[in-house]
Amino acid sequence: MPISAHINRVIAGQLSWLKLQHSGGCYGYRIDAGDKRFCYLSDNEYDQEQAAPLADFTAGADLVI
């Protein structure tokens, strides 16, 4: 569920997260601030079933890491 957050007191934005597939547990994060979108997803053991959720989560991103 997305929440509103202030990040480093520099920008106001929305922080969202998505549970990723990893044996130790991992989440991907998305920050929406103004007209910019940044996504960070790491330690994911990719499975074809994730294609649609990952595409939806990162849609419109200016940068995906």
Protein backbone atom coordinates (compact mmCIF):
# COMPACT_ATOMS: atom_id res chain seq x y z
CA MET A 1 0.00 0.00 0.00
CA PRO A 2 1.50 3.38 -0.98
CA ILE A 3 2.19 5.93 1.73
CA SER A 4 3.04 9.61 1.61
CA ALA A 5 6.46 10.51 2.91
CA HIS A 6 8.97 13.32 3.09
CA ILE A 7 12.35 12.19 1.87
CA ASN A 8 15.40 13.89 3.41
CA ARG A 9 13.21 16.95 3.94
CA VAL A 10 14.10 18.01 0.41
CA ILE A 11 11.21 16.64 -1.62
CA ALA A 12 7.67 15.58 -0.89
CA GLY A 13 6.58 12.46 -2.66
CA GLN A 14 5.01 9.06 -2.48
CA LEU A 15 6.87 5.91 -1.54
CA SER A 16 5.56 2.55 -2.82
CA TRP A 17 6.97 -0.93 -2.48
CA LEU A 18 6.56 -4.34 -4.08
CA LYS A 19 7.55 -7.67 -2.55
CA LEU A 20 10.14 -9.35 -4.75
CA GLN A 21 10.98 -13.01 -5.09
CA HIS A 22 14.09 -13.79 -3.04
CA SER A 23 14.88 -16.54 -0.55
CA GLY A 24 15.86 -14.02 2.14
CA GLY A 25 13.00 -11.64 1.39
CA CYS A 26 13.36 -8.41 -0.55
CA TYR A 27 11.30 -5.42 -1.66
CA GLY A 28 11.46 -3.08 -4.62
CA TYR A 29 10.82 0.61 -4.02
CA ARG A 30 9.36 3.41 -6.12
CA ILE A 31 9.53 7.11 -5.33
CA ASP A 32 7.16 9.47 -7.12
CA ALA A 33 7.95 13.15 -6.62
CA GLY A 34 6.47 15.83 -8.80
CA ASP A 35 6.65 14.57 -12.38
CA LYS A 36 9.56 12.18 -11.70
CA ARG A 37 9.54 8.47 -10.89
CA PHE A 38 12.52 6.46 -9.58
CA CYS A 39 12.46 2.68 -9.03
CA TYR A 40 15.00 0.55 -7.19
CA LEU A 41 14.64 -3.24 -7.34
CA SER A 42 17.44 -5.56 -6.25
CA ASP A 43 17.99 -9.19 -5.27
CA ASN A 44 15.09 -10.52 -7.30
CA GLU A 45 14.99 -14.11 -8.53
CA TYR A 46 13.06 -13.44 -11.73
CA ASP A 47 10.16 -15.65 -12.72
CA GLN A 48 8.00 -15.10 -15.83
CA GLU A 49 4.92 -14.70 -13.59
CA GLN A 50 6.45 -11.45 -12.31
CA ALA A 51 6.57 -9.81 -15.75
CA ALA A 52 3.21 -8.01 -15.51
CA PRO A 53 3.52 -6.84 -11.87
CA LEU A 54 7.08 -5.58 -12.45
CA ALA A 55 6.04 -3.80 -15.65
CA ASP A 56 3.10 -2.14 -13.86
CA PHE A 57 5.26 -1.13 -10.88
CA THR A 58 7.96 0.48 -13.04
CA ALA A 59 5.66 1.96 -15.74
CA GLY A 60 6.54 5.54 -16.55
CA ALA A 61 9.77 5.50 -14.51
CA ASP A 62 12.47 8.00 -15.37
CA LEU A 63 15.10 5.70 -13.88
CA VAL A 64 15.02 2.01 -12.87
CA ILE A 65 17.92 0.45 -10.98
